[in-house]
Amino acid sequence: MMQEMNQREKDQLIRELEEFKTEKEKIRKLVGQIGGVKYAERDKRINLIFLIFVGLIFMFDILRHVFHIEITSLPPILSLEVALMLVSIKIVWMIHKQTRIEHFQFHILNSIEFRLNELSRLFRSVDQKLKANEKRVNDSSSE
C-alpha cells in the first residue's frame, strides 16, 4: 500500500516536471520573439550602422575644422543636426524595445499571479476537506 502511494507520487512529480519543461520551452520561444537571441545579430548590425554614421559625421567635421579639408558640402550645423537626429532615432528605438520587454514581463508576472491565486484556492479547498475529515474521524472515534 505504502509503496503504491510512493510510486503514484513519483509519477505525479515526473508529470509535473515534464509540464514545467514544456512551459519553459514555450517561454523561451516567446522571449526569442520579442528580442531574444533571434534578433541579437540584427541589433548588432543596426548599432554598428548608427555608430559608423555618427562617427563619419564627427570625423568629417573634425577634418573640416582642424585641417580645413572639405569632404562634404554639408554646412557644419547640418552635420550636427543629422548626427543629433541619428542619436535621437537610436534612443527612441531603444525605448521601444524596452517597452516591448516590459510588456512581456507584465504578462508573465500576471500569469504567475493567476496561477498562485489558483493554487491558493486549491490549498484552501484541500485544507477545508482535511479539517472536515479530521472532525468526522474525531466525532466517530469519540462515540
C-alpha atoms as a PDB file:
ATOM      1  CA  MET A   1       0.000   0.000   0.000  1.00  0.00           C
ATOM      2  CA  MET A   2       2.739   2.476   1.007  1.00  0.00           C
ATOM      3  CA  GLN A   3       4.893   1.503  -1.961  1.00  0.00           C
ATOM      4  CA  GLU A   4       1.960   2.092  -4.296  1.00  0.00           C
ATOM      5  CA  MET A   5       1.483   5.629  -2.880  1.00  0.00           C
ATOM      6  CA  ASN A   6       5.185   6.390  -3.323  1.00  0.00           C
ATOM      7  CA  GLN A   7       5.016   5.227  -6.939  1.00  0.00           C
ATOM      8  CA  ARG A   8       1.965   7.439  -7.575  1.00  0.00           C
ATOM      9  CA  GLU A   9       3.761  10.410  -6.022  1.00  0.00           C
ATOM     10  CA  LYS A  10       6.806   9.758  -8.207  1.00  0.00           C
ATOM     11  CA  ASP A  11       4.634   9.525 -11.307  1.00  0.00           C
ATOM     12  CA  GLN A  12       2.905  12.770 -10.363  1.00  0.00           C
ATOM     13  CA  LEU A  13       6.254  14.520  -9.862  1.00  0.00           C
ATOM     14  CA  ILE A  14       7.525  13.232 -13.207  1.00  0.00           C
ATOM     15  CA  ARG A  15       4.388  14.558 -14.949  1.00  0.00           C
ATOM     16  CA  GLU A  16       4.788  17.941 -13.258  1.00  0.00           C
ATOM     17  CA  LEU A  17       8.442  18.076 -14.282  1.00  0.00           C
ATOM     18  CA  GLU A  18       7.515  17.366 -17.909  1.00  0.00           C
ATOM     19  CA  GLU A  19       4.851  20.105 -17.802  1.00  0.00           C
ATOM     20  CA  PHE A  20       7.427  22.502 -16.377  1.00  0.00           C
ATOM     21  CA  LYS A  21       9.875  21.678 -19.178  1.00  0.00           C
ATOM     22  CA  THR A  22       7.259  22.266 -21.888  1.00  0.00           C
ATOM     23  CA  GLU A  23       6.244  25.587 -20.321  1.00  0.00           C
ATOM     24  CA  LYS A  24       9.899  26.604 -20.068  1.00  0.00           C
ATOM     25  CA  GLU A  25      10.349  25.950 -23.799  1.00  0.00           C
ATOM     26  CA  LYS A  26       7.227  27.986 -24.610  1.00  0.00           C
ATOM     27  CA  ILE A  27       8.600  30.907 -22.603  1.00  0.00           C
ATOM     28  CA  ARG A  28      11.978  30.642 -24.347  1.00  0.00           C
ATOM     29  CA  LYS A  29      10.269  30.837 -27.720  1.00  0.00           C
ATOM     30  CA  LEU A  30       8.236  33.863 -26.630  1.00  0.00           C
ATOM     31  CA  VAL A  31      11.313  35.645 -25.317  1.00  0.00           C
ATOM     32  CA  GLY A  32      13.033  34.950 -28.627  1.00  0.00           C
ATOM     33  CA  GLN A  33      10.114  36.519 -30.480  1.00  0.00           C
ATOM     34  CA  ILE A  34      10.319  39.795 -28.565  1.00  0.00           C
ATOM     35  CA  GLY A  35      14.027  40.339 -28.992  1.00  0.00           C
ATOM     36  CA  GLY A  36      15.995  37.465 -27.603  1.00  0.00           C
ATOM     37  CA  VAL A  37      18.792  35.596 -29.357  1.00  0.00           C
ATOM     38  CA  LYS A  38      16.951  35.650 -32.669  1.00  0.00           C
ATOM     39  CA  TYR A  39      17.372  39.437 -33.054  1.00  0.00           C
ATOM     40  CA  ALA A  40      20.758  39.876 -31.372  1.00  0.00           C
ATOM     41  CA  GLU A  41      22.696  39.761 -34.637  1.00  0.00           C
ATOM     42  CA  ARG A  42      20.328  42.239 -36.315  1.00  0.00           C
ATOM     43  CA  ASP A  43      20.616  44.596 -33.344  1.00  0.00           C
ATOM     44  CA  LYS A  44      24.416  44.460 -33.509  1.00  0.00           C
ATOM     45  CA  ARG A  45      24.310  45.401 -37.198  1.00  0.00           C
ATOM     46  CA  ILE A  46      21.926  48.306 -36.572  1.00  0.00           C
ATOM     47  CA  ASN A  47      24.105  49.559 -33.707  1.00  0.00           C
ATOM     48  CA  LEU A  48      27.171  49.348 -35.931  1.00  0.00           C
ATOM     49  CA  ILE A  49      25.453  51.283 -38.721  1.00  0.00           C
ATOM     50  CA  PHE A  50      24.412  54.054 -36.310  1.00  0.00           C
ATOM     51  CA  LEU A  51      27.926  54.178 -34.868  1.00  0.00           C
ATOM     52  CA  ILE A  52      29.529  54.379 -38.322  1.00  0.00           C
ATOM     53  CA  PHE A  53      27.216  57.192 -39.473  1.00  0.00           C
ATOM     54  CA  VAL A  54      27.712  59.271 -36.339  1.00  0.00           C
ATOM     55  CA  GLY A  55      31.466  58.567 -36.405  1.00  0.00           C
ATOM     56  CA  LEU A  56      31.753  59.612 -40.066  1.00  0.00           C
ATOM     57  CA  ILE A  57      29.871  62.847 -39.459  1.00  0.00           C
ATOM     58  CA  PHE A  58      32.075  63.549 -36.445  1.00  0.00           C
ATOM     59  CA  MET A  59      35.241  62.784 -38.453  1.00  0.00           C
ATOM     60  CA  PHE A  60      34.163  64.977 -41.382  1.00  0.00           C
ATOM     61  CA  ASP A  61      33.524  67.887 -39.019  1.00  0.00           C
ATOM     62  CA  ILE A  62      36.918  67.441 -37.336  1.00  0.00           C
ATOM     63  CA  LEU A  63      38.651  67.337 -40.736  1.00  0.00           C
ATOM     64  CA  ARG A  64      36.774  70.454 -41.796  1.00  0.00           C
ATOM     65  CA  HIS A  65      37.551  72.460 -38.653  1.00  0.00           C
ATOM     66  CA  VAL A  66      41.077  71.288 -37.814  1.00  0.00           C
ATOM     67  CA  PHE A  67      42.622  70.594 -41.211  1.00  0.00           C
ATOM     68  CA  HIS A  68      40.303  72.765 -43.341  1.00  0.00           C
ATOM     69  CA  ILE A  69      39.555  69.798 -45.621  1.00  0.00           C
ATOM     70  CA  GLU A  70      36.133  69.953 -47.272  1.00  0.00           C
ATOM     71  CA  ILE A  71      34.996  66.350 -47.827  1.00  0.00           C
ATOM     72  CA  THR A  72      31.290  67.077 -47.904  1.00  0.00           C
ATOM     73  CA  SER A  73      29.395  70.138 -48.915  1.00  0.00           C
ATOM     74  CA  LEU A  74      27.222  69.936 -45.812  1.00  0.00           C
ATOM     75  CA  PRO A  75      27.216  73.048 -43.660  1.00  0.00           C
ATOM     76  CA  PRO A  76      28.674  72.397 -40.189  1.00  0.00           C
ATOM     77  CA  ILE A  77      25.366  72.944 -38.395  1.00  0.00           C
ATOM     78  CA  LEU A  78      23.553  70.495 -40.698  1.00  0.00           C
ATOM     79  CA  SER A  79      26.012  67.695 -39.970  1.00  0.00           C
ATOM     80  CA  LEU A  80      25.499  68.331 -36.255  1.00  0.00           C
ATOM     81  CA  GLU A  81      21.740  68.173 -36.740  1.00  0.00           C
ATOM     82  CA  VAL A  82      21.982  64.919 -38.717  1.00  0.00           C
ATOM     83  CA  ALA A  83      24.141  63.334 -36.013  1.00  0.00           C
ATOM     84  CA  LEU A  84      21.702  64.509 -33.345  1.00  0.00           C
ATOM     85  CA  MET A  85      18.789  63.081 -35.335  1.00  0.00           C
ATOM     86  CA  LEU A  86      20.544  59.703 -35.684  1.00  0.00           C
ATOM     87  CA  VAL A  87      21.245  59.550 -31.959  1.00  0.00           C
ATOM     88  CA  SER A  88      17.624  60.518 -31.226  1.00  0.00           C
ATOM     89  CA  ILE A  89      16.329  57.755 -33.516  1.00  0.00           C
ATOM     90  CA  LYS A  90      18.559  55.273 -31.727  1.00  0.00           C
ATOM     91  CA  ILE A  91      17.244  56.360 -28.309  1.00  0.00           C
ATOM     92  CA  VAL A  92      13.622  56.087 -29.471  1.00  0.00           C
ATOM     93  CA  TRP A  93      14.351  52.624 -30.883  1.00  0.00           C
ATOM     94  CA  MET A  94      15.891  51.522 -27.564  1.00  0.00           C
ATOM     95  CA  ILE A  95      12.881  52.853 -25.632  1.00  0.00           C
ATOM     96  CA  HIS A  96      10.560  50.934 -27.965  1.00  0.00           C
ATOM     97  CA  LYS A  97      12.474  47.685 -27.406  1.00  0.00           C
ATOM     98  CA  GLN A  98      12.452  48.195 -23.629  1.00  0.00           C
ATOM     99  CA  THR A  99       8.701  48.833 -23.696  1.00  0.00           C
ATOM    100  CA  ARG A 100       8.125  45.545 -25.516  1.00  0.00           C
ATOM    101  CA  ILE A 101      10.210  43.692 -22.935  1.00  0.00           C
ATOM    102  CA  GLU A 102       8.362  45.313 -20.032  1.00  0.00           C
ATOM    103  CA  HIS A 103       5.014  44.443 -21.644  1.00  0.00           C
ATOM    104  CA  PHE A 104       6.097  40.812 -21.912  1.00  0.00           C
ATOM    105  CA  GLN A 105       7.330  40.779 -18.306  1.00  0.00           C
ATOM    106  CA  PHE A 106       3.967  42.163 -17.187  1.00  0.00           C
ATOM    107  CA  HIS A 107       2.171  39.272 -18.900  1.00  0.00           C
ATOM    108  CA  ILE A 108       4.499  36.720 -17.314  1.00  0.00           C
ATOM    109  CA  LEU A 109       4.011  38.198 -13.846  1.00  0.00           C
ATOM    110  CA  ASN A 110       0.268  38.381 -14.413  1.00  0.00           C
ATOM    111  CA  SER A 111       0.109  34.693 -15.353  1.00  0.00           C
ATOM    112  CA  ILE A 112       2.262  33.771 -12.329  1.00  0.00           C
ATOM    113  CA  GLU A 113      -0.092  35.712 -10.065  1.00  0.00           C
ATOM    114  CA  PHE A 114      -3.096  33.985 -11.639  1.00  0.00           C
ATOM    115  CA  ARG A 115      -1.553  30.562 -11.034  1.00  0.00           C
ATOM    116  CA  LEU A 116      -0.619  31.444  -7.456  1.00  0.00           C
ATOM    117  CA  ASN A 117      -4.191  32.512  -6.757  1.00  0.00           C
ATOM    118  CA  GLU A 118      -5.431  29.294  -8.331  1.00  0.00           C
ATOM    119  CA  LEU A 119      -3.094  27.221  -6.156  1.00  0.00           C
ATOM    120  CA  SER A 120      -4.102  29.197  -3.088  1.00  0.00           C
ATOM    121  CA  ARG A 121      -7.785  28.408  -3.718  1.00  0.00           C
ATOM    122  CA  LEU A 122      -6.888  24.758  -4.244  1.00  0.00           C
ATOM    123  CA  PHE A 123      -4.911  24.594  -0.985  1.00  0.00           C
ATOM    124  CA  ARG A 124      -7.753  26.265   0.922  1.00  0.00           C
ATOM    125  CA  SER A 125     -10.163  23.716  -0.521  1.00  0.00           C
ATOM    126  CA  VAL A 126      -7.877  20.810   0.417  1.00  0.00           C
ATOM    127  CA  ASP A 127      -7.384  22.293   3.891  1.00  0.00           C
ATOM    128  CA  GLN A 128     -11.141  22.572   4.423  1.00  0.00           C
ATOM    129  CA  LYS A 129     -11.635  18.985   3.300  1.00  0.00           C
ATOM    130  CA  LEU A 130      -8.882  17.780   5.642  1.00  0.00           C
ATOM    131  CA  LYS A 131     -10.376  19.655   8.571  1.00  0.00           C
ATOM    132  CA  ALA A 132     -13.827  18.246   7.808  1.00  0.00           C
ATOM    133  CA  ASN A 133     -12.344  14.748   7.534  1.00  0.00           C
ATOM    134  CA  GLU A 134     -10.467  15.171  10.840  1.00  0.00           C
ATOM    135  CA  LYS A 135     -13.636  16.375  12.509  1.00  0.00           C
ATOM    136  CA  ARG A 136     -15.541  13.379  11.139  1.00  0.00           C
ATOM    137  CA  VAL A 137     -12.819  10.989  12.366  1.00  0.00           C
ATOM    138  CA  ASN A 138     -12.732  12.642  15.800  1.00  0.00           C
ATOM    139  CA  ASP A 139     -16.522  12.534  16.078  1.00  0.00           C
ATOM    140  CA  SER A 140     -16.666   8.866  15.100  1.00  0.00           C
ATOM    141  CA  SER A 141     -13.848   7.915  17.489  1.00  0.00           C
ATOM    142  CA  SER A 142     -15.465   9.688  20.428  1.00  0.00           C
ATOM    143  CA  GLU A 143     -18.676   7.697  20.012  1.00  0.00           C
END
